[in-house]
Amino acid sequence: MKRVFAALLIVCIGVSLTGCGNKRESAEMVVKDAIEAIKACDAAKVRKYWGNENIGAESGDEMDEEALKAILGGIIYEIMGSEENDGAAVVDVKITNTDMGKVMTDVVAEVFPTLLAEAFKPESEQMSDEDSDKLFSDTLIELLARPDNPQITNTVKVALTLKDDVWVIDSGNDAAAD
């Protein structure tokens, strides 16, 4: 009986000690979750982590969302390290994604001749704004799907502040969110 009681006592102490542990999510984990929200195009979570109320509010257009997923879905990142001091933290992140400068140059080169030709048609025969947006979006998605797109890697520092015992990404991190 004493052994059973001792075992139960050890289990109770173990459970209560784990309940007393620090439950705050680390700065690195907050940044990881924020980047995963961007990759998933989860506007609500992006707003939660990055604090920008305008993110995801511009358009609910399905084609825009598909293009956004094509742009952001391929992000590869690595948390290089972090430093947490009192109420501030900085997380170093290496981010790799498709070189959008090259892709956008190719999109414009492919779409521009069609749009230019449309501009010289009588107004009644011109492509609608929705059709030109669709042409741009479809071309962007098509070119993003190329397996040989060049990649670009940048290292960014994401600053966080401790508010109410929770790490919050500073609003000055717009470059990291872009």
Foldseek 3Di string as FASTA:
>chain_A
DVVVVVVVVVVVVVVVVVVPDQPEDDPVVLVVQLLVCQLVVVQVSVCVFLVDPCRPVPDPDPLVVLLSNLFSNFKDKDFPDKDDDDFKMKTKMKIKGFPVVVLVVVLCVVLVVVQVVLVPDPPVPHDDPVRSVNSSSVSSSVSSPDPPGDMDIDMDIWMWGQDPNYTHTDNVCVVVVD
